[in-house]
N, C-alpha and C. Protein backbone atom coordinates (compact mmCIF):
# COMPACT_ATOMS: atom_id res chain seq x y z
N MET A 1 -21.26 -4.75 1.56
CA MET A 1 -20.32 -5.43 2.43
C MET A 1 -19.13 -5.97 1.64
N LYS A 2 -19.38 -6.40 0.39
CA LYS A 2 -18.31 -6.95 -0.43
C LYS A 2 -17.24 -5.89 -0.72
N LYS A 3 -17.67 -4.65 -0.93
CA LYS A 3 -16.72 -3.58 -1.23
C LYS A 3 -15.97 -3.14 0.02
N LEU A 4 -16.55 -3.33 1.16
CA LEU A 4 -15.93 -2.91 2.41
C LEU A 4 -14.85 -3.87 2.88
N MET A 5 -14.94 -5.14 2.50
CA MET A 5 -14.00 -6.16 2.96
C MET A 5 -12.55 -5.88 2.54
N PRO A 6 -12.26 -5.57 1.25
CA PRO A 6 -10.86 -5.29 0.89
C PRO A 6 -10.32 -4.06 1.62
N LEU A 7 -11.13 -3.05 1.79
CA LEU A 7 -10.70 -1.84 2.49
C LEU A 7 -10.38 -2.16 3.94
N THR A 8 -11.18 -2.99 4.56
CA THR A 8 -10.93 -3.40 5.94
C THR A 8 -9.63 -4.20 6.03
N LEU A 9 -9.41 -5.09 5.07
CA LEU A 9 -8.19 -5.88 5.05
C LEU A 9 -6.96 -5.00 4.88
N ILE A 10 -7.03 -4.03 4.00
CA ILE A 10 -5.90 -3.10 3.79
C ILE A 10 -5.62 -2.32 5.07
N THR A 11 -6.67 -1.85 5.72
CA THR A 11 -6.49 -1.09 6.96
C THR A 11 -5.86 -1.96 8.04
N LEU A 12 -6.31 -3.20 8.14
CA LEU A 12 -5.76 -4.12 9.13
C LEU A 12 -4.28 -4.37 8.87
N LEU A 13 -3.92 -4.64 7.62
CA LEU A 13 -2.52 -4.88 7.28
C LEU A 13 -1.66 -3.65 7.51
N ALA A 14 -2.18 -2.48 7.16
CA ALA A 14 -1.41 -1.25 7.33
C ALA A 14 -1.14 -0.95 8.80
N THR A 15 -2.08 -1.28 9.66
CA THR A 15 -1.88 -0.97 11.07
C THR A 15 -1.05 -2.02 11.80
N THR A 16 -0.95 -3.22 11.23
CA THR A 16 -0.20 -4.26 11.92
C THR A 16 1.26 -4.38 11.46
N PHE A 17 1.59 -3.78 10.33
CA PHE A 17 2.99 -3.80 9.88
C PHE A 17 3.85 -2.99 10.83
N SER A 18 5.06 -3.44 11.04
CA SER A 18 6.00 -2.69 11.87
C SER A 18 6.69 -1.66 10.98
N SER A 19 6.26 -0.43 11.08
CA SER A 19 6.78 0.61 10.19
C SER A 19 8.25 0.89 10.46
N CYS A 20 8.69 0.78 11.70
CA CYS A 20 10.10 1.02 12.00
C CYS A 20 10.99 -0.03 11.31
N GLY A 21 10.56 -1.27 11.34
CA GLY A 21 11.32 -2.32 10.67
C GLY A 21 11.35 -2.12 9.16
N LEU A 22 10.26 -1.64 8.60
CA LEU A 22 10.20 -1.38 7.17
C LEU A 22 11.15 -0.24 6.79
N ILE A 23 11.15 0.82 7.54
CA ILE A 23 12.03 1.96 7.27
C ILE A 23 13.49 1.54 7.42
N GLU A 24 13.79 0.75 8.42
CA GLU A 24 15.16 0.26 8.61
C GLU A 24 15.62 -0.55 7.40
N GLY A 25 14.76 -1.41 6.91
CA GLY A 25 15.10 -2.22 5.75
C GLY A 25 15.33 -1.38 4.51
N ILE A 26 14.52 -0.35 4.34
CA ILE A 26 14.67 0.54 3.19
C ILE A 26 16.01 1.27 3.26
N PHE A 27 16.39 1.75 4.44
CA PHE A 27 17.67 2.45 4.56
C PHE A 27 18.85 1.53 4.32
N LYS A 28 18.73 0.28 4.75
CA LYS A 28 19.81 -0.68 4.52
C LYS A 28 19.94 -1.00 3.03
N ALA A 29 18.84 -1.04 2.32
CA ALA A 29 18.86 -1.40 0.90
C ALA A 29 19.39 -0.28 0.03
N GLY A 30 19.26 0.95 0.45
CA GLY A 30 19.75 2.07 -0.33
C GLY A 30 18.64 3.02 -0.74
N MET A 31 19.05 4.23 -1.15
CA MET A 31 18.09 5.28 -1.46
C MET A 31 17.22 4.92 -2.66
N TRP A 32 17.81 4.48 -3.75
CA TRP A 32 17.02 4.20 -4.95
C TRP A 32 16.06 3.04 -4.75
N THR A 33 16.48 2.05 -4.02
CA THR A 33 15.59 0.93 -3.71
C THR A 33 14.41 1.43 -2.88
N GLY A 34 14.69 2.30 -1.94
CA GLY A 34 13.63 2.89 -1.13
C GLY A 34 12.65 3.70 -1.95
N ILE A 35 13.17 4.50 -2.87
CA ILE A 35 12.30 5.31 -3.73
C ILE A 35 11.41 4.41 -4.58
N ILE A 36 11.99 3.36 -5.15
CA ILE A 36 11.21 2.43 -5.97
C ILE A 36 10.14 1.74 -5.14
N ILE A 37 10.48 1.32 -3.94
CA ILE A 37 9.50 0.65 -3.07
C ILE A 37 8.36 1.59 -2.71
N VAL A 38 8.69 2.83 -2.40
CA VAL A 38 7.65 3.81 -2.04
C VAL A 38 6.74 4.09 -3.22
N VAL A 39 7.30 4.28 -4.41
CA VAL A 39 6.49 4.55 -5.60
C VAL A 39 5.60 3.36 -5.91
N LEU A 40 6.14 2.15 -5.84
CA LEU A 40 5.33 0.96 -6.08
C LEU A 40 4.23 0.81 -5.02
N GLY A 41 4.56 1.13 -3.78
CA GLY A 41 3.56 1.06 -2.71
C GLY A 41 2.41 2.04 -2.93
N ILE A 42 2.74 3.26 -3.33
CA ILE A 42 1.71 4.27 -3.60
C ILE A 42 0.86 3.84 -4.79
N ALA A 43 1.51 3.31 -5.84
CA ALA A 43 0.77 2.84 -7.02
C ALA A 43 -0.18 1.71 -6.64
N LEU A 44 0.28 0.80 -5.78
CA LEU A 44 -0.56 -0.31 -5.33
C LEU A 44 -1.77 0.20 -4.55
N VAL A 45 -1.56 1.15 -3.67
CA VAL A 45 -2.67 1.71 -2.88
C VAL A 45 -3.68 2.40 -3.80
N VAL A 46 -3.20 3.18 -4.76
CA VAL A 46 -4.10 3.87 -5.69
C VAL A 46 -4.89 2.86 -6.50
N TRP A 47 -4.23 1.81 -6.97
CA TRP A 47 -4.91 0.77 -7.76
C TRP A 47 -5.97 0.07 -6.92
N LEU A 48 -5.62 -0.27 -5.68
CA LEU A 48 -6.59 -0.95 -4.81
C LEU A 48 -7.79 -0.06 -4.50
N VAL A 49 -7.55 1.22 -4.25
CA VAL A 49 -8.66 2.14 -3.97
C VAL A 49 -9.55 2.26 -5.20
N ALA A 50 -8.95 2.32 -6.40
CA ALA A 50 -9.74 2.39 -7.63
C ALA A 50 -10.57 1.12 -7.80
N LYS A 51 -10.01 -0.04 -7.47
CA LYS A 51 -10.75 -1.30 -7.58
C LYS A 51 -11.91 -1.34 -6.58
N VAL A 52 -11.65 -0.90 -5.35
CA VAL A 52 -12.67 -0.96 -4.31
C VAL A 52 -13.84 -0.03 -4.64
N PHE A 53 -13.55 1.17 -5.11
CA PHE A 53 -14.59 2.14 -5.36
C PHE A 53 -15.09 2.13 -6.81
N GLY A 54 -14.71 1.15 -7.59
CA GLY A 54 -15.29 0.97 -8.91
C GLY A 54 -14.55 1.62 -10.05
N GLY A 55 -13.60 2.47 -9.76
CA GLY A 55 -12.82 3.09 -10.83
C GLY A 55 -13.70 3.96 -11.72
N ARG A 56 -13.35 4.00 -12.99
CA ARG A 56 -14.03 4.85 -13.96
C ARG A 56 -15.25 4.12 -14.51
N LYS A 57 -16.37 4.81 -14.65
CA LYS A 57 -17.57 4.22 -15.23
C LYS A 57 -17.88 4.97 -16.52
N ASP A 58 -17.93 4.22 -17.62
CA ASP A 58 -18.20 4.84 -18.93
C ASP A 58 -19.65 4.72 -19.31
């Protein structure tokens, strides 16, 4: 249950964000700002998924 809680929280946040408002803000800020935000967002999601599922085990 402990591992499922962060994933549930991420899913809840992802579905409640207004994606149209986010895209509008990115276009107003400029192309490079948008690219940086998208790359950072993807990196954050990958990091969170690695944390939730335990990452690498040696």
